[in-house]
Amino acid sequence: MREAIAVGDDGKARCIWAGNDPDYRPYHDNEWGKPLHGDRPLYEKISLEGFQAGLSWITILRRRPAFRAAFSNFDIETVADFTDDDVERLVTDASIIRHRGKIQAAINNANVTRQLVEERGDGALDALVWSFQPHEKRPRPRTLDDFVATTPESVALSKELRRLGYKFVGPTTMYALMQSAGLVDDHVEGCFLAVD
């Protein structure tokens, strides 16, 4: 059984991944697992989770300000209008992850989101993502072994986003989105934020 709790130097018990890291701890305490709403914030989160695929989240978190600068604060309209010149600019930007496929996916996903909003109105991406929130709460994780990589809901969300044309939205990536955007609460038992 792998322990899932660490007590920080401030005396608070947290999910072990937050530790005492100066970037992870505020993210854990103030963002992760808190309900996130809005088309732009969820588009940003989908983009960053896509960039994280195959990497650690701390790599993305530490580069988030650079990503925001490079992608015009993830403004959907602006990114949807990015051109091949923007792709070339971004693949040479050492402050972000210079993965051509992920960069192109972020631009593609802005276009798909813009179309979704044009068809269904403001809040369309928000409504779509949140429609996959589980109806029943899973038992709170107690150990690291209790965490799952996917759920039926993340598989279904991934399938629907891909059907609409989104890219880099696999089931594992979508479960990470569901955790970070508060669709599920995976703060481990004993974490000071684990409240039922």
C-alpha atoms as a PDB file:
ATOM      1  CA  MET A   1       0.000   0.000   0.000  1.00  0.00           C
ATOM      2  CA  ARG A   2       1.502   3.300  -1.102  1.00  0.00           C
ATOM      3  CA  GLU A   3       0.833   6.254   1.189  1.00  0.00           C
ATOM      4  CA  ALA A   4      -1.148   9.075  -0.376  1.00  0.00           C
ATOM      5  CA  ILE A   5      -0.799  11.777   2.287  1.00  0.00           C
ATOM      6  CA  ALA A   6       2.089  14.058   3.199  1.00  0.00           C
ATOM      7  CA  VAL A   7       2.119  16.604   6.015  1.00  0.00           C
ATOM      8  CA  GLY A   8       3.630  19.868   4.837  1.00  0.00           C
ATOM      9  CA  ASP A   9       5.928  22.150   6.757  1.00  0.00           C
ATOM     10  CA  ASP A  10       2.795  24.195   7.522  1.00  0.00           C
ATOM     11  CA  GLY A  11       1.310  21.223   9.378  1.00  0.00           C
ATOM     12  CA  LYS A  12      -1.438  20.557   6.820  1.00  0.00           C
ATOM     13  CA  ALA A  13      -2.020  17.066   5.437  1.00  0.00           C
ATOM     14  CA  ARG A  14      -2.204  17.088   1.639  1.00  0.00           C
ATOM     15  CA  CYS A  15      -2.338  14.690  -1.276  1.00  0.00           C
ATOM     16  CA  ILE A  16       1.233  13.422  -1.454  1.00  0.00           C
ATOM     17  CA  TRP A  17       1.839  14.726  -4.985  1.00  0.00           C
ATOM     18  CA  ALA A  18       1.582  18.321  -3.719  1.00  0.00           C
ATOM     19  CA  GLY A  19       4.325  17.866  -1.132  1.00  0.00           C
ATOM     20  CA  ASN A  20       6.112  21.084  -0.247  1.00  0.00           C
ATOM     21  CA  ASP A  21       6.722  22.089  -3.858  1.00  0.00           C
ATOM     22  CA  PRO A  22       6.250  25.880  -4.167  1.00  0.00           C
ATOM     23  CA  ASP A  23       4.305  25.465  -7.427  1.00  0.00           C
ATOM     24  CA  TYR A  24       2.356  22.303  -6.704  1.00  0.00           C
ATOM     25  CA  ARG A  25       1.157  23.255  -3.227  1.00  0.00           C
ATOM     26  CA  PRO A  26      -0.802  26.411  -4.205  1.00  0.00           C
ATOM     27  CA  TYR A  27      -2.164  24.598  -7.268  1.00  0.00           C
ATOM     28  CA  HIS A  28      -3.359  21.741  -5.047  1.00  0.00           C
ATOM     29  CA  ASP A  29      -4.794  24.069  -2.399  1.00  0.00           C
ATOM     30  CA  ASN A  30      -6.473  26.651  -4.654  1.00  0.00           C
ATOM     31  CA  GLU A  31      -7.254  25.041  -8.016  1.00  0.00           C
ATOM     32  CA  TRP A  32      -7.118  21.249  -8.303  1.00  0.00           C
ATOM     33  CA  GLY A  33     -10.521  19.707  -7.733  1.00  0.00           C
ATOM     34  CA  LYS A  34     -12.347  23.029  -7.519  1.00  0.00           C
ATOM     35  CA  PRO A  35     -15.240  23.403 -10.015  1.00  0.00           C
ATOM     36  CA  LEU A  36     -14.011  25.211 -13.127  1.00  0.00           C
ATOM     37  CA  HIS A  37     -16.571  26.760 -15.449  1.00  0.00           C
ATOM     38  CA  GLY A  38     -16.559  28.825 -18.620  1.00  0.00           C
ATOM     39  CA  ASP A  39     -15.702  28.068 -22.220  1.00  0.00           C
ATOM     40  CA  ARG A  40     -12.332  29.881 -22.159  1.00  0.00           C
ATOM     41  CA  PRO A  41     -11.082  28.363 -18.866  1.00  0.00           C
ATOM     42  CA  LEU A  42     -12.121  24.867 -19.936  1.00  0.00           C
ATOM     43  CA  TYR A  43     -10.585  25.323 -23.391  1.00  0.00           C
ATOM     44  CA  GLU A  44      -7.352  26.372 -21.656  1.00  0.00           C
ATOM     45  CA  LYS A  45      -7.504  23.360 -19.340  1.00  0.00           C
ATOM     46  CA  ILE A  46      -8.150  20.968 -22.253  1.00  0.00           C
ATOM     47  CA  SER A  47      -5.198  22.518 -24.102  1.00  0.00           C
ATOM     48  CA  LEU A  48      -2.826  22.274 -21.152  1.00  0.00           C
ATOM     49  CA  GLU A  49      -3.903  18.729 -20.329  1.00  0.00           C
ATOM     50  CA  GLY A  50      -3.207  17.865 -23.972  1.00  0.00           C
ATOM     51  CA  PHE A  51       0.275  19.377 -23.731  1.00  0.00           C
ATOM     52  CA  GLN A  52       0.822  17.377 -20.537  1.00  0.00           C
ATOM     53  CA  ALA A  53       0.236  14.015 -22.267  1.00  0.00           C
ATOM     54  CA  GLY A  54       3.376  11.960 -21.708  1.00  0.00           C
ATOM     55  CA  LEU A  55       4.875  14.551 -19.337  1.00  0.00           C
ATOM     56  CA  SER A  56       4.466  15.454 -15.683  1.00  0.00           C
ATOM     57  CA  TRP A  57       1.887  18.094 -14.766  1.00  0.00           C
ATOM     58  CA  ILE A  58       4.534  20.130 -12.909  1.00  0.00           C
ATOM     59  CA  THR A  59       6.305  20.659 -16.257  1.00  0.00           C
ATOM     60  CA  ILE A  60       3.138  22.261 -17.632  1.00  0.00           C
ATOM     61  CA  LEU A  61       2.261  24.126 -14.442  1.00  0.00           C
ATOM     62  CA  ARG A  62       5.657  25.832 -14.320  1.00  0.00           C
ATOM     63  CA  ARG A  63       5.278  26.843 -17.972  1.00  0.00           C
ATOM     64  CA  ARG A  64       1.641  27.918 -17.707  1.00  0.00           C
ATOM     65  CA  PRO A  65       2.417  31.662 -17.745  1.00  0.00           C
ATOM     66  CA  ALA A  66       4.469  31.137 -20.923  1.00  0.00           C
ATOM     67  CA  PHE A  67       1.679  29.071 -22.481  1.00  0.00           C
ATOM     68  CA  ARG A  68      -0.791  31.836 -21.680  1.00  0.00           C
ATOM     69  CA  ALA A  69       1.452  34.415 -23.304  1.00  0.00           C
ATOM     70  CA  ALA A  70       2.123  32.245 -26.356  1.00  0.00           C
ATOM     71  CA  PHE A  71      -1.565  31.371 -26.843  1.00  0.00           C
ATOM     72  CA  SER A  72      -3.061  34.838 -26.220  1.00  0.00           C
ATOM     73  CA  ASN A  73      -4.395  33.790 -22.805  1.00  0.00           C
ATOM     74  CA  PHE A  74      -6.207  30.950 -24.596  1.00  0.00           C
ATOM     75  CA  ASP A  75      -8.712  33.355 -26.088  1.00  0.00           C
ATOM     76  CA  ILE A  76     -10.752  31.011 -28.281  1.00  0.00           C
ATOM     77  CA  GLU A  77     -11.342  33.467 -31.141  1.00  0.00           C
ATOM     78  CA  THR A  78      -7.721  34.576 -31.285  1.00  0.00           C
ATOM     79  CA  VAL A  79      -6.231  31.074 -31.199  1.00  0.00           C
ATOM     80  CA  ALA A  80      -8.776  29.818 -33.742  1.00  0.00           C
ATOM     81  CA  ASP A  81      -7.366  32.403 -36.157  1.00  0.00           C
ATOM     82  CA  PHE A  82      -3.738  31.290 -35.678  1.00  0.00           C
ATOM     83  CA  THR A  83      -2.032  30.521 -38.973  1.00  0.00           C
ATOM     84  CA  ASP A  84       0.826  28.300 -40.117  1.00  0.00           C
ATOM     85  CA  ASP A  85       3.132  31.228 -39.264  1.00  0.00           C
ATOM     86  CA  ASP A  86       1.910  31.033 -35.674  1.00  0.00           C
ATOM     87  CA  VAL A  87       2.594  27.296 -35.614  1.00  0.00           C
ATOM     88  CA  GLU A  88       6.157  27.953 -36.800  1.00  0.00           C
ATOM     89  CA  ARG A  89       6.563  30.683 -34.174  1.00  0.00           C
ATOM     90  CA  LEU A  90       5.340  28.357 -31.437  1.00  0.00           C
ATOM     91  CA  VAL A  91       7.517  25.376 -32.390  1.00  0.00           C
ATOM     92  CA  THR A  92      10.560  27.601 -31.835  1.00  0.00           C
ATOM     93  CA  ASP A  93       9.325  28.997 -28.491  1.00  0.00           C
ATOM     94  CA  ALA A  94      11.528  27.338 -25.866  1.00  0.00           C
ATOM     95  CA  SER A  95       9.316  28.594 -23.036  1.00  0.00           C
ATOM     96  CA  ILE A  96       6.516  26.138 -23.939  1.00  0.00           C
ATOM     97  CA  ILE A  97       6.368  22.488 -25.045  1.00  0.00           C
ATOM     98  CA  ARG A  98       7.456  22.621 -28.704  1.00  0.00           C
ATOM     99  CA  HIS A  99       5.473  19.657 -29.931  1.00  0.00           C
ATOM    100  CA  ARG A 100       4.037  20.466 -33.350  1.00  0.00           C
ATOM    101  CA  GLY A 101       1.152  18.010 -33.027  1.00  0.00           C
ATOM    102  CA  LYS A 102       0.072  19.393 -29.648  1.00  0.00           C
ATOM    103  CA  ILE A 103       0.360  22.982 -30.893  1.00  0.00           C
ATOM    104  CA  GLN A 104      -1.752  22.163 -33.925  1.00  0.00           C
ATOM    105  CA  ALA A 105      -4.245  20.360 -31.679  1.00  0.00           C
ATOM    106  CA  ALA A 106      -4.638  23.447 -29.476  1.00  0.00           C
ATOM    107  CA  ILE A 107      -5.382  25.563 -32.560  1.00  0.00           C
ATOM    108  CA  ASN A 108      -7.704  22.912 -33.984  1.00  0.00           C
ATOM    109  CA  ASN A 109      -9.517  22.665 -30.656  1.00  0.00           C
ATOM    110  CA  ALA A 110     -10.027  26.435 -30.584  1.00  0.00           C
ATOM    111  CA  ASN A 111     -11.683  26.171 -34.001  1.00  0.00           C
ATOM    112  CA  VAL A 112     -13.903  23.311 -32.857  1.00  0.00           C
ATOM    113  CA  THR A 113     -14.820  25.230 -29.693  1.00  0.00           C
ATOM    114  CA  ARG A 114     -15.642  28.357 -31.694  1.00  0.00           C
ATOM    115  CA  GLN A 115     -17.910  26.321 -33.959  1.00  0.00           C
ATOM    116  CA  LEU A 116     -19.534  24.648 -30.946  1.00  0.00           C
ATOM    117  CA  VAL A 117     -20.252  28.040 -29.354  1.00  0.00           C
ATOM    118  CA  GLU A 118     -21.584  29.432 -32.646  1.00  0.00           C
ATOM    119  CA  GLU A 119     -23.974  26.475 -32.927  1.00  0.00           C
ATOM    120  CA  ARG A 120     -25.037  26.111 -29.282  1.00  0.00           C
ATOM    121  CA  GLY A 121     -24.322  29.516 -27.713  1.00  0.00           C
ATOM    122  CA  ASP A 122     -22.020  30.798 -24.993  1.00  0.00           C
ATOM    123  CA  GLY A 123     -21.294  28.173 -22.388  1.00  0.00           C
ATOM    124  CA  ALA A 124     -21.515  25.330 -24.898  1.00  0.00           C
ATOM    125  CA  LEU A 125     -18.128  23.792 -24.033  1.00  0.00           C
ATOM    126  CA  ASP A 126     -18.861  24.234 -20.332  1.00  0.00           C
ATOM    127  CA  ALA A 127     -22.228  22.491 -20.679  1.00  0.00           C
ATOM    128  CA  LEU A 128     -20.723  19.705 -22.759  1.00  0.00           C
ATOM    129  CA  VAL A 129     -17.849  18.959 -20.375  1.00  0.00           C
ATOM    130  CA  TRP A 130     -20.007  19.146 -17.244  1.00  0.00           C
ATOM    131  CA  SER A 131     -22.650  16.880 -18.766  1.00  0.00           C
ATOM    132  CA  PHE A 132     -20.134  14.069 -18.168  1.00  0.00           C
ATOM    133  CA  GLN A 133     -19.822  14.687 -14.439  1.00  0.00           C
ATOM    134  CA  PRO A 134     -20.432  11.344 -12.702  1.00  0.00           C
ATOM    135  CA  HIS A 135     -23.905  10.991 -11.188  1.00  0.00           C
ATOM    136  CA  GLU A 136     -22.606   8.896  -8.329  1.00  0.00           C
ATOM    137  CA  LYS A 137     -19.623   9.797  -6.205  1.00  0.00           C
ATOM    138  CA  ARG A 138     -16.801   7.270  -6.200  1.00  0.00           C
ATOM    139  CA  PRO A 139     -15.232   6.304  -2.890  1.00  0.00           C
ATOM    140  CA  ARG A 140     -12.510   8.758  -1.955  1.00  0.00           C
ATOM    141  CA  PRO A 141      -8.994   7.399  -2.644  1.00  0.00           C
ATOM    142  CA  ARG A 142      -7.139   6.251   0.475  1.00  0.00           C
ATOM    143  CA  THR A 143      -3.848   5.186  -1.100  1.00  0.00           C
ATOM    144  CA  LEU A 144      -2.053   5.863  -4.361  1.00  0.00           C
ATOM    145  CA  ASP A 145      -3.188   2.414  -5.491  1.00  0.00           C
ATOM    146  CA  ASP A 146      -6.812   3.599  -5.328  1.00  0.00           C
ATOM    147  CA  PHE A 147      -6.365   6.099  -8.157  1.00  0.00           C
ATOM    148  CA  VAL A 148      -7.647   5.187 -11.598  1.00  0.00           C
ATOM    149  CA  ALA A 149      -6.446   6.442 -14.984  1.00  0.00           C
ATOM    150  CA  THR A 150      -9.837   6.403 -16.681  1.00  0.00           C
ATOM    151  CA  THR A 151     -13.503   6.049 -15.822  1.00  0.00           C
ATOM    152  CA  PRO A 152     -16.545   5.310 -17.968  1.00  0.00           C
ATOM    153  CA  GLU A 153     -17.305   9.045 -17.881  1.00  0.00           C
ATOM    154  CA  SER A 154     -13.832  10.066 -19.060  1.00  0.00           C
ATOM    155  CA  VAL A 155     -14.039   7.498 -21.856  1.00  0.00           C
ATOM    156  CA  ALA A 156     -17.436   8.878 -22.895  1.00  0.00           C
ATOM    157  CA  LEU A 157     -16.232  12.510 -22.723  1.00  0.00           C
ATOM    158  CA  SER A 158     -13.189  11.634 -24.801  1.00  0.00           C
ATOM    159  CA  LYS A 159     -15.341   9.870 -27.380  1.00  0.00           C
ATOM    160  CA  GLU A 160     -17.741  12.809 -27.690  1.00  0.00           C
ATOM    161  CA  LEU A 161     -14.964  15.407 -27.960  1.00  0.00           C
ATOM    162  CA  ARG A 162     -13.219  13.337 -30.626  1.00  0.00           C
ATOM    163  CA  ARG A 163     -16.515  12.949 -32.480  1.00  0.00           C
ATOM    164  CA  LEU A 164     -16.757  16.753 -32.565  1.00  0.00           C
ATOM    165  CA  GLY A 165     -13.205  17.006 -33.919  1.00  0.00           C
ATOM    166  CA  TYR A 166     -11.090  17.687 -30.805  1.00  0.00           C
ATOM    167  CA  LYS A 167      -7.583  16.252 -30.667  1.00  0.00           C
ATOM    168  CA  PHE A 168      -5.314  15.120 -27.780  1.00  0.00           C
ATOM    169  CA  VAL A 169      -8.372  14.370 -25.668  1.00  0.00           C
ATOM    170  CA  GLY A 170      -7.859  10.690 -24.836  1.00  0.00           C
ATOM    171  CA  PRO A 171      -9.670   9.063 -21.887  1.00  0.00           C
ATOM    172  CA  THR A 172      -6.694   9.387 -19.500  1.00  0.00           C
ATOM    173  CA  THR A 173      -6.197  13.033 -20.417  1.00  0.00           C
ATOM    174  CA  MET A 174      -9.906  13.638 -19.932  1.00  0.00           C
ATOM    175  CA  TYR A 175      -9.857  12.002 -16.506  1.00  0.00           C
ATOM    176  CA  ALA A 176      -7.014  14.331 -15.531  1.00  0.00           C
ATOM    177  CA  LEU A 177      -9.214  17.194 -16.758  1.00  0.00           C
ATOM    178  CA  MET A 178     -12.143  15.906 -14.689  1.00  0.00           C
ATOM    179  CA  GLN A 179      -9.939  15.790 -11.590  1.00  0.00           C
ATOM    180  CA  SER A 180      -8.379  19.201 -12.087  1.00  0.00           C
ATOM    181  CA  ALA A 181     -11.628  20.935 -13.126  1.00  0.00           C
ATOM    182  CA  GLY A 182     -13.581  19.543 -10.192  1.00  0.00           C
ATOM    183  CA  LEU A 183     -15.941  17.197 -12.006  1.00  0.00           C
ATOM    184  CA  VAL A 184     -14.635  14.590  -9.596  1.00  0.00           C
ATOM    185  CA  ASP A 185     -13.085  15.084  -6.169  1.00  0.00           C
ATOM    186  CA  ASP A 186      -9.994  12.914  -5.860  1.00  0.00           C
ATOM    187  CA  HIS A 187      -8.434  14.583  -2.829  1.00  0.00           C
ATOM    188  CA  VAL A 188      -7.336  11.582  -0.823  1.00  0.00           C
ATOM    189  CA  GLU A 189      -8.797  10.647   2.527  1.00  0.00           C
ATOM    190  CA  GLY A 190      -6.953  12.636   5.162  1.00  0.00           C
ATOM    191  CA  CYS A 191      -6.148  15.597   2.901  1.00  0.00           C
ATOM    192  CA  PHE A 192      -7.336  18.811   4.526  1.00  0.00           C
ATOM    193  CA  LEU A 193      -9.379  19.496   1.372  1.00  0.00           C
ATOM    194  CA  ALA A 194     -11.124  16.120   1.455  1.00  0.00           C
ATOM    195  CA  VAL A 195     -14.503  17.211   2.754  1.00  0.00           C
ATOM    196  CA  ASP A 196     -17.702  15.243   2.238  1.00  0.00           C
END
